[in-house]
C-alpha atoms as a PDB file:
ATOM      1  CA  MET A   1      -3.322   0.438  29.493  1.00  0.00           C
ATOM      2  CA  GLU A   2      -6.560   1.875  31.152  1.00  0.00           C
ATOM      3  CA  GLU A   3      -6.192   5.115  29.365  1.00  0.00           C
ATOM      4  CA  ALA A   4      -6.053   3.277  26.370  1.00  0.00           C
ATOM      5  CA  LYS A   5      -9.480   1.562  27.235  1.00  0.00           C
ATOM      6  CA  LYS A   6     -11.055   4.909  28.097  1.00  0.00           C
ATOM      7  CA  THR A   7     -10.134   6.283  24.680  1.00  0.00           C
ATOM      8  CA  PHE A   8     -11.420   3.436  23.024  1.00  0.00           C
ATOM      9  CA  LEU A   9     -15.043   3.570  25.001  1.00  0.00           C
ATOM     10  CA  GLN A  10     -14.596   7.558  24.069  1.00  0.00           C
ATOM     11  CA  TYR A  11     -13.922   6.782  20.466  1.00  0.00           C
ATOM     12  CA  THR A  12     -16.742   3.996  20.136  1.00  0.00           C
ATOM     13  CA  LYS A  13     -19.468   5.983  21.918  1.00  0.00           C
ATOM     14  CA  PRO A  14     -21.008   7.673  19.141  1.00  0.00           C
ATOM     15  CA  TYR A  15     -21.603   4.896  17.279  1.00  0.00           C
ATOM     16  CA  LEU A  16     -23.508   3.345  19.935  1.00  0.00           C
ATOM     17  CA  PRO A  17     -27.189   4.458  18.318  1.00  0.00           C
ATOM     18  CA  LEU A  18     -26.433   2.600  15.423  1.00  0.00           C
ATOM     19  CA  GLY A  19     -27.792  -0.504  16.988  1.00  0.00           C
ATOM     20  CA  GLU A  20     -26.487  -3.197  19.163  1.00  0.00           C
ATOM     21  CA  ASN A  21     -24.235  -4.759  16.713  1.00  0.00           C
ATOM     22  CA  ILE A  22     -21.957  -1.694  17.819  1.00  0.00           C
ATOM     23  CA  ASP A  23     -22.118  -2.793  21.696  1.00  0.00           C
ATOM     24  CA  LEU A  24     -21.328  -6.610  20.475  1.00  0.00           C
ATOM     25  CA  LYS A  25     -18.141  -5.540  18.460  1.00  0.00           C
ATOM     26  CA  ILE A  26     -17.120  -3.435  21.530  1.00  0.00           C
ATOM     27  CA  LYS A  27     -17.729  -6.453  23.777  1.00  0.00           C
ATOM     28  CA  HIS A  28     -15.768  -8.808  21.121  1.00  0.00           C
ATOM     29  CA  THR A  29     -12.878  -6.155  21.567  1.00  0.00           C
ATOM     30  CA  PHE A  30     -12.322  -6.592  25.118  1.00  0.00           C
ATOM     31  CA  ARG A  31     -12.742 -10.294  25.118  1.00  0.00           C
ATOM     32  CA  VAL A  32      -9.919 -10.507  22.392  1.00  0.00           C
ATOM     33  CA  VAL A  33      -7.844  -8.006  24.545  1.00  0.00           C
ATOM     34  CA  SER A  34      -8.038 -10.895  27.385  1.00  0.00           C
ATOM     35  CA  LEU A  35      -7.468 -13.580  24.918  1.00  0.00           C
ATOM     36  CA  CYS A  36      -4.181 -11.750  24.011  1.00  0.00           C
ATOM     37  CA  GLU A  37      -3.374 -11.437  27.843  1.00  0.00           C
ATOM     38  CA  ALA A  38      -4.031 -14.869  28.774  1.00  0.00           C
ATOM     39  CA  ILE A  39      -1.885 -16.247  25.390  1.00  0.00           C
ATOM     40  CA  ALA A  40       1.403 -13.554  25.910  1.00  0.00           C
ATOM     41  CA  LYS A  41       0.951 -14.807  29.690  1.00  0.00           C
ATOM     42  CA  LYS A  42       0.996 -18.170  28.585  1.00  0.00           C
ATOM     43  CA  LYS A  43       3.899 -17.625  26.349  1.00  0.00           C
ATOM     44  CA  ASN A  44       5.919 -15.989  29.228  1.00  0.00           C
ATOM     45  CA  LEU A  45       6.126 -12.611  27.781  1.00  0.00           C
ATOM     46  CA  SER A  46       7.644  -9.783  29.868  1.00  0.00           C
ATOM     47  CA  LYS A  47       5.255  -7.297  31.425  1.00  0.00           C
ATOM     48  CA  GLU A  48       5.818  -4.741  28.698  1.00  0.00           C
ATOM     49  CA  GLU A  49       5.319  -7.256  25.956  1.00  0.00           C
ATOM     50  CA  ILE A  50       1.954  -8.477  27.643  1.00  0.00           C
ATOM     51  CA  GLU A  51       0.753  -4.852  27.734  1.00  0.00           C
ATOM     52  CA  ILE A  52       1.657  -4.747  23.798  1.00  0.00           C
ATOM     53  CA  ALA A  53      -0.387  -7.304  23.143  1.00  0.00           C
ATOM     54  CA  LYS A  54      -3.396  -5.930  25.266  1.00  0.00           C
ATOM     55  CA  LEU A  55      -3.173  -2.736  23.076  1.00  0.00           C
ATOM     56  CA  CYS A  56      -3.114  -4.403  19.574  1.00  0.00           C
ATOM     57  CA  GLY A  57      -6.192  -6.381  20.904  1.00  0.00           C
ATOM     58  CA  ILE A  58      -7.900  -3.326  21.839  1.00  0.00           C
ATOM     59  CA  LEU A  59      -7.152  -1.421  18.341  1.00  0.00           C
ATOM     60  CA  HIS A  60      -7.260  -4.711  16.243  1.00  0.00           C
ATOM     61  CA  ASP A  61     -11.098  -4.096  15.262  1.00  0.00           C
ATOM     62  CA  ILE A  62     -10.877  -0.030  15.361  1.00  0.00           C
ATOM     63  CA  ALA A  63     -12.377   0.278  11.864  1.00  0.00           C
ATOM     64  CA  ARG A  64     -15.400  -1.837  12.688  1.00  0.00           C
ATOM     65  CA  PHE A  65     -17.391   0.877  13.875  1.00  0.00           C
ATOM     66  CA  GLU A  66     -16.802   3.342  11.128  1.00  0.00           C
ATOM     67  CA  GLN A  67     -17.161   0.349   8.530  1.00  0.00           C
ATOM     68  CA  TYR A  68     -20.812  -0.434  10.229  1.00  0.00           C
ATOM     69  CA  LYS A  69     -21.510   3.428   9.791  1.00  0.00           C
ATOM     70  CA  ARG A  70     -20.922   3.462   6.365  1.00  0.00           C
ATOM     71  CA  TYR A  71     -21.929   0.240   4.843  1.00  0.00           C
ATOM     72  CA  GLN A  72     -24.515  -1.279   7.685  1.00  0.00           C
ATOM     73  CA  THR A  73     -22.366  -4.658   7.688  1.00  0.00           C
ATOM     74  CA  PHE A  74     -19.204  -6.336   8.841  1.00  0.00           C
ATOM     75  CA  SER A  75     -18.941  -7.864   6.150  1.00  0.00           C
ATOM     76  CA  ASP A  76     -15.533  -6.955   4.485  1.00  0.00           C
ATOM     77  CA  LEU A  77     -16.642  -8.844   0.922  1.00  0.00           C
ATOM     78  CA  ASN A  78     -19.725  -6.563   0.821  1.00  0.00           C
ATOM     79  CA  SER A  79     -17.570  -3.325   2.211  1.00  0.00           C
ATOM     80  CA  ILE A  80     -14.406  -2.459   3.013  1.00  0.00           C
ATOM     81  CA  ASP A  81     -11.149  -4.359   4.328  1.00  0.00           C
ATOM     82  CA  HIS A  82     -11.464  -3.636   8.195  1.00  0.00           C
ATOM     83  CA  GLY A  83      -7.869  -4.473   8.773  1.00  0.00           C
ATOM     84  CA  ASP A  84      -6.382  -2.190   6.067  1.00  0.00           C
ATOM     85  CA  LEU A  85      -9.204   0.450   7.180  1.00  0.00           C
ATOM     86  CA  GLY A  86      -8.143   0.146  11.004  1.00  0.00           C
ATOM     87  CA  VAL A  87      -4.388   1.520  10.042  1.00  0.00           C
ATOM     88  CA  LYS A  88      -5.820   4.378   8.196  1.00  0.00           C
ATOM     89  CA  ILE A  89      -8.197   5.608  10.904  1.00  0.00           C
ATOM     90  CA  LEU A  90      -4.969   5.526  13.463  1.00  0.00           C
ATOM     91  CA  LYS A  91      -3.006   7.380  10.875  1.00  0.00           C
ATOM     92  CA  GLU A  92      -5.198  10.062  10.082  1.00  0.00           C
ATOM     93  CA  ASN A  93      -4.155  13.134  12.063  1.00  0.00           C
ATOM     94  CA  ASN A  94      -2.011  10.745  14.649  1.00  0.00           C
ATOM     95  CA  PHE A  95      -4.988   9.445  16.133  1.00  0.00           C
ATOM     96  CA  ILE A  96      -2.564   6.527  17.285  1.00  0.00           C
ATOM     97  CA  ARG A  97      -1.168   8.970  20.017  1.00  0.00           C
ATOM     98  CA  LYS A  98      -4.195   9.271  21.674  1.00  0.00           C
ATOM     99  CA  PHE A  99      -3.499   5.390  22.570  1.00  0.00           C
ATOM    100  CA  ILE A 100       0.368   5.359  22.840  1.00  0.00           C
ATOM    101  CA  LYS A 101       2.584   8.250  23.453  1.00  0.00           C
ATOM    102  CA  ASP A 102       5.656   6.330  22.055  1.00  0.00           C
ATOM    103  CA  ASP A 103       5.788   6.111  18.581  1.00  0.00           C
ATOM    104  CA  SER A 104       8.430   3.186  18.597  1.00  0.00           C
ATOM    105  CA  LEU A 105       5.736   0.856  18.258  1.00  0.00           C
ATOM    106  CA  ASP A 106       3.508   2.285  15.417  1.00  0.00           C
ATOM    107  CA  THR A 107       4.813  -0.037  12.504  1.00  0.00           C
ATOM    108  CA  LEU A 108       4.384  -3.202  14.581  1.00  0.00           C
ATOM    109  CA  ILE A 109       0.718  -1.910  15.754  1.00  0.00           C
ATOM    110  CA  PHE A 110      -0.364  -1.354  12.306  1.00  0.00           C
ATOM    111  CA  LYS A 111       0.890  -4.645  11.226  1.00  0.00           C
ATOM    112  CA  THR A 112      -1.008  -6.202  13.840  1.00  0.00           C
ATOM    113  CA  ILE A 113      -4.112  -4.299  13.051  1.00  0.00           C
ATOM    114  CA  LYS A 114      -3.424  -4.869   9.055  1.00  0.00           C
ATOM    115  CA  TYR A 115      -2.840  -8.448   9.070  1.00  0.00           C
ATOM    116  CA  HIS A 116      -5.387  -9.599  11.936  1.00  0.00           C
ATOM    117  CA  ASN A 117      -7.609 -10.373   9.333  1.00  0.00           C
ATOM    118  CA  LYS A 118      -5.795 -11.604   6.449  1.00  0.00           C
ATOM    119  CA  TYR A 119      -6.199 -15.258   4.927  1.00  0.00           C
ATOM    120  CA  GLN A 120      -2.474 -15.332   5.757  1.00  0.00           C
ATOM    121  CA  LEU A 121       0.779 -13.333   6.949  1.00  0.00           C
ATOM    122  CA  PRO A 122       3.078 -11.866   4.822  1.00  0.00           C
ATOM    123  CA  LYS A 123       6.562 -13.928   4.797  1.00  0.00           C
ATOM    124  CA  ASN A 124       8.779 -10.646   5.402  1.00  0.00           C
ATOM    125  CA  LEU A 125       7.634  -9.888   9.294  1.00  0.00           C
ATOM    126  CA  THR A 126      10.344  -9.461  11.696  1.00  0.00           C
ATOM    127  CA  ALA A 127      10.259 -12.338  14.659  1.00  0.00           C
ATOM    128  CA  GLN A 128       8.522  -9.544  16.712  1.00  0.00           C
ATOM    129  CA  GLU A 129       5.909  -8.417  14.285  1.00  0.00           C
ATOM    130  CA  LYS A 130       5.170 -12.217  13.885  1.00  0.00           C
ATOM    131  CA  LEU A 131       4.537 -13.088  17.250  1.00  0.00           C
ATOM    132  CA  PHE A 132       2.102 -10.096  17.973  1.00  0.00           C
ATOM    133  CA  CYS A 133       0.353 -10.391  14.723  1.00  0.00           C
ATOM    134  CA  ASN A 134      -0.198 -14.158  15.700  1.00  0.00           C
ATOM    135  CA  ILE A 135      -1.242 -13.278  19.176  1.00  0.00           C
ATOM    136  CA  VAL A 136      -3.993 -11.082  17.960  1.00  0.00           C
ATOM    137  CA  ARG A 137      -4.965 -13.396  15.282  1.00  0.00           C
ATOM    138  CA  ASP A 138      -5.316 -16.255  17.754  1.00  0.00           C
ATOM    139  CA  ALA A 139      -7.389 -14.350  20.143  1.00  0.00           C
ATOM    140  CA  ASP A 140      -9.731 -13.233  17.576  1.00  0.00           C
ATOM    141  CA  LYS A 141     -10.109 -16.533  16.154  1.00  0.00           C
ATOM    142  CA  ILE A 142     -10.878 -18.083  19.265  1.00  0.00           C
ATOM    143  CA  ASP A 143     -13.528 -15.181  20.280  1.00  0.00           C
ATOM    144  CA  ILE A 144     -15.014 -15.598  17.062  1.00  0.00           C
ATOM    145  CA  LEU A 145     -15.724 -19.185  17.495  1.00  0.00           C
ATOM    146  CA  TYR A 146     -17.080 -18.646  21.172  1.00  0.00           C
ATOM    147  CA  LEU A 147     -19.695 -16.344  19.097  1.00  0.00           C
ATOM    148  CA  TYR A 148     -20.952 -19.374  17.199  1.00  0.00           C
ATOM    149  CA  THR A 149     -21.415 -21.528  20.341  1.00  0.00           C
ATOM    150  CA  ILE A 150     -23.858 -18.574  21.700  1.00  0.00           C
ATOM    151  CA  LYS A 151     -25.258 -18.476  18.289  1.00  0.00           C
ATOM    152  CA  ASP A 152     -24.411 -14.884  18.034  1.00  0.00           C
ATOM    153  CA  ILE A 153     -23.016 -15.816  14.551  1.00  0.00           C
ATOM    154  CA  LYS A 154     -25.292 -18.511  12.628  1.00  0.00           C
ATOM    155  CA  ILE A 155     -24.746 -19.914   9.079  1.00  0.00           C
ATOM    156  CA  ASP A 156     -28.207 -21.046   7.588  1.00  0.00           C
ATOM    157  CA  VAL A 157     -26.847 -24.511   5.921  1.00  0.00           C
ATOM    158  CA  GLU A 158     -30.405 -24.956   4.750  1.00  0.00           C
ATOM    159  CA  ASN A 159     -30.389 -28.764   3.127  1.00  0.00           C
ATOM    160  CA  ASP A 160     -26.979 -28.394   2.082  1.00  0.00           C
ATOM    161  CA  ILE A 161     -23.792 -30.633   2.684  1.00  0.00           C
ATOM    162  CA  PHE A 162     -20.002 -29.751   2.502  1.00  0.00           C
ATOM    163  CA  SER A 163     -18.898 -29.923  -0.892  1.00  0.00           C
ATOM    164  CA  ALA A 164     -15.883 -32.334  -1.635  1.00  0.00           C
ATOM    165  CA  GLU A 165     -13.499 -29.512  -2.386  1.00  0.00           C
ATOM    166  CA  ILE A 166     -14.058 -28.155   1.279  1.00  0.00           C
ATOM    167  CA  ILE A 167     -13.964 -31.669   3.060  1.00  0.00           C
ATOM    168  CA  ASP A 168     -10.775 -32.269   0.996  1.00  0.00           C
ATOM    169  CA  GLN A 169      -9.166 -28.877   2.548  1.00  0.00           C
ATOM    170  CA  LEU A 170     -10.486 -29.673   6.221  1.00  0.00           C
ATOM    171  CA  LYS A 171      -8.899 -33.469   5.888  1.00  0.00           C
ATOM    172  CA  ASN A 172      -5.642 -32.036   4.852  1.00  0.00           C
ATOM    173  CA  GLU A 173      -5.988 -29.689   7.970  1.00  0.00           C
ATOM    174  CA  SER A 174      -5.826 -26.716   5.556  1.00  0.00           C
ATOM    175  CA  VAL A 175      -7.202 -22.896   6.513  1.00  0.00           C
ATOM    176  CA  ILE A 176     -10.688 -22.714   4.392  1.00  0.00           C
ATOM    177  CA  ASN A 177     -10.204 -20.774   1.069  1.00  0.00           C
ATOM    178  CA  ARG A 178     -13.167 -18.309   0.872  1.00  0.00           C
ATOM    179  CA  ALA A 179     -12.926 -18.631  -3.042  1.00  0.00           C
ATOM    180  CA  THR A 180     -13.534 -22.096  -2.922  1.00  0.00           C
ATOM    181  CA  LEU A 181     -16.905 -22.229  -1.189  1.00  0.00           C
ATOM    182  CA  LYS A 182     -19.857 -23.456  -3.276  1.00  0.00           C
ATOM    183  CA  THR A 183     -22.766 -24.515  -0.753  1.00  0.00           C
ATOM    184  CA  LYS A 184     -24.317 -22.639   2.258  1.00  0.00           C
ATOM    185  CA  ALA A 185     -22.963 -25.432   4.496  1.00  0.00           C
ATOM    186  CA  ASP A 186     -19.375 -24.669   3.024  1.00  0.00           C
ATOM    187  CA  ARG A 187     -19.706 -21.363   5.098  1.00  0.00           C
ATOM    188  CA  LEU A 188     -19.801 -23.186   8.206  1.00  0.00           C
ATOM    189  CA  ALA A 189     -16.374 -25.017   7.109  1.00  0.00           C
ATOM    190  CA  VAL A 190     -14.843 -21.436   7.507  1.00  0.00           C
ATOM    191  CA  SER A 191     -14.519 -21.308  11.088  1.00  0.00           C
ATOM    192  CA  LEU A 192     -14.473 -24.768  11.798  1.00  0.00           C
ATOM    193  CA  GLY A 193     -11.021 -24.245   9.406  1.00  0.00           C
ATOM    194  CA  PHE A 194      -9.766 -21.813  12.125  1.00  0.00           C
ATOM    195  CA  LEU A 195      -8.170 -24.182  13.915  1.00  0.00           C
ATOM    196  CA  PHE A 196      -5.549 -24.907  11.491  1.00  0.00           C
ATOM    197  CA  ASP A 197      -4.660 -21.351  11.366  1.00  0.00           C
ATOM    198  CA  ILE A 198      -4.062 -21.216  15.236  1.00  0.00           C
ATOM    199  CA  ALA A 199      -0.129 -20.544  15.690  1.00  0.00           C
ATOM    200  CA  PHE A 200       0.576 -21.263  19.095  1.00  0.00           C
ATOM    201  CA  LYS A 201       0.174 -24.490  21.406  1.00  0.00           C
ATOM    202  CA  GLU A 202      -0.625 -21.823  24.057  1.00  0.00           C
ATOM    203  CA  SER A 203      -3.707 -20.436  22.025  1.00  0.00           C
ATOM    204  CA  MET A 204      -4.411 -24.184  21.114  1.00  0.00           C
ATOM    205  CA  ALA A 205      -4.582 -25.068  24.823  1.00  0.00           C
ATOM    206  CA  ILE A 206      -7.135 -22.303  25.555  1.00  0.00           C
ATOM    207  CA  LEU A 207      -9.396 -23.219  22.564  1.00  0.00           C
ATOM    208  CA  LYS A 208      -9.334 -27.149  23.766  1.00  0.00           C
ATOM    209  CA  GLU A 209     -10.106 -25.989  27.147  1.00  0.00           C
ATOM    210  CA  LYS A 210     -13.202 -23.805  26.106  1.00  0.00           C
ATOM    211  CA  ASP A 211     -14.367 -26.617  23.651  1.00  0.00           C
ATOM    212  CA  TYR A 212     -15.747 -24.262  21.276  1.00  0.00           C
ATOM    213  CA  LEU A 213     -15.083 -26.232  18.173  1.00  0.00           C
ATOM    214  CA  ASN A 214     -17.089 -29.289  19.521  1.00  0.00           C
ATOM    215  CA  LYS A 215     -19.927 -26.707  20.741  1.00  0.00           C
ATOM    216  CA  GLU A 216     -20.487 -25.344  17.555  1.00  0.00           C
ATOM    217  CA  ILE A 217     -20.440 -28.695  15.876  1.00  0.00           C
ATOM    218  CA  ASP A 218     -23.021 -30.020  18.829  1.00  0.00           C
ATOM    219  CA  ILE A 219     -25.401 -26.682  17.571  1.00  0.00           C
ATOM    220  CA  TYR A 220     -25.925 -28.105  14.326  1.00  0.00           C
ATOM    221  CA  MET A 221     -26.024 -31.742  14.976  1.00  0.00           C
ATOM    222  CA  GLN A 222     -29.070 -30.983  17.167  1.00  0.00           C
ATOM    223  CA  GLU A 223     -31.022 -29.351  14.466  1.00  0.00           C
ATOM    224  CA  ASP A 224     -32.899 -30.619  11.551  1.00  0.00           C
ATOM    225  CA  ILE A 225     -30.420 -30.552   8.730  1.00  0.00           C
ATOM    226  CA  ASN A 226     -29.558 -33.046   5.946  1.00  0.00           C
ATOM    227  CA  PRO A 227     -28.285 -36.500   7.205  1.00  0.00           C
ATOM    228  CA  LYS A 228     -25.039 -36.414   5.405  1.00  0.00           C
ATOM    229  CA  LEU A 229     -24.187 -33.248   6.781  1.00  0.00           C
ATOM    230  CA  LYS A 230     -24.355 -34.825  10.028  1.00  0.00           C
ATOM    231  CA  GLU A 231     -22.091 -37.547   8.733  1.00  0.00           C
ATOM    232  CA  GLN A 232     -19.527 -34.954   7.694  1.00  0.00           C
ATOM    233  CA  LEU A 233     -19.482 -33.083  10.527  1.00  0.00           C
ATOM    234  CA  GLU A 234     -18.805 -36.020  12.756  1.00  0.00           C
ATOM    235  CA  GLU A 235     -15.803 -36.839  10.586  1.00  0.00           C
ATOM    236  CA  ILE A 236     -14.368 -33.303  10.839  1.00  0.00           C
ATOM    237  CA  ARG A 237     -15.191 -33.795  14.818  1.00  0.00           C
ATOM    238  CA  THR A 238     -12.801 -36.530  14.394  1.00  0.00           C
ATOM    239  CA  ILE A 239     -10.421 -34.606  12.382  1.00  0.00           C
ATOM    240  CA  ILE A 240     -10.344 -31.221  14.892  1.00  0.00           C
ATOM    241  CA  LYS A 241      -9.891 -33.704  17.837  1.00  0.00           C
ATOM    242  CA  ASN A 242      -6.465 -35.632  16.460  1.00  0.00           C
ATOM    243  CA  TYR A 243      -5.079 -32.310  15.438  1.00  0.00           C
ATOM    244  CA  ILE A 244      -5.353 -30.545  18.693  1.00  0.00           C
ATOM    245  CA  ASP A 245      -4.203 -33.583  20.413  1.00  0.00           C
ATOM    246  CA  ARG A 246      -1.435 -33.648  18.057  1.00  0.00           C
ATOM    247  CA  SER A 247      -0.595 -30.142  18.582  1.00  0.00           C
ATOM    248  CA  LEU A 248      -0.253 -30.013  22.425  1.00  0.00           C
END
């Protein structure tokens, strides 16, 4: 595992001159590794499985650096799908062998990378593939929510409110469909809707302990935003609390 970390840092080093966004992604990666480990341990996985989860965490965002170099953005909508690109990078010149010598886990690792950023997982995954895909997806979402709480990610909601369709999705405890976003405030709902895609109660317990969703809402409640949006956020806060309590 230590060798994989060293290889990752060696790979990312040439990208550091591109700016602080690169360093932020490196730090995000290592927090996701820690979260993958925590979730795997809470699920009482074997030592070998915990190491696999950590390796998938290290590699999940491997494409972010090349993506930023090429497009100066981390937005997949405005550039390229970084999950798909990550698999391509690891396959080129058999780069994955720099991280793990045994090739028996390649398919599993490639799928955790490819699907970590997708709206939903395909239905044809094996039980093992689904397990590790969900560990990475949960860890990634939890850390993204952390980034909202420290304002590394900030949505300018202006004077907008959540659209009726977005409110309905949250009330129905659904992951937000980005295709339905209408207002600037709707973009904030995407992160709040992460909750409904958390796969494991072990991950939910971490999220409840960290209280990231309440902290994210608090940031906007303290700002000069549309009073109607504040009402909507308090309504969503209640939905979130009830969902977490019911899930644990």
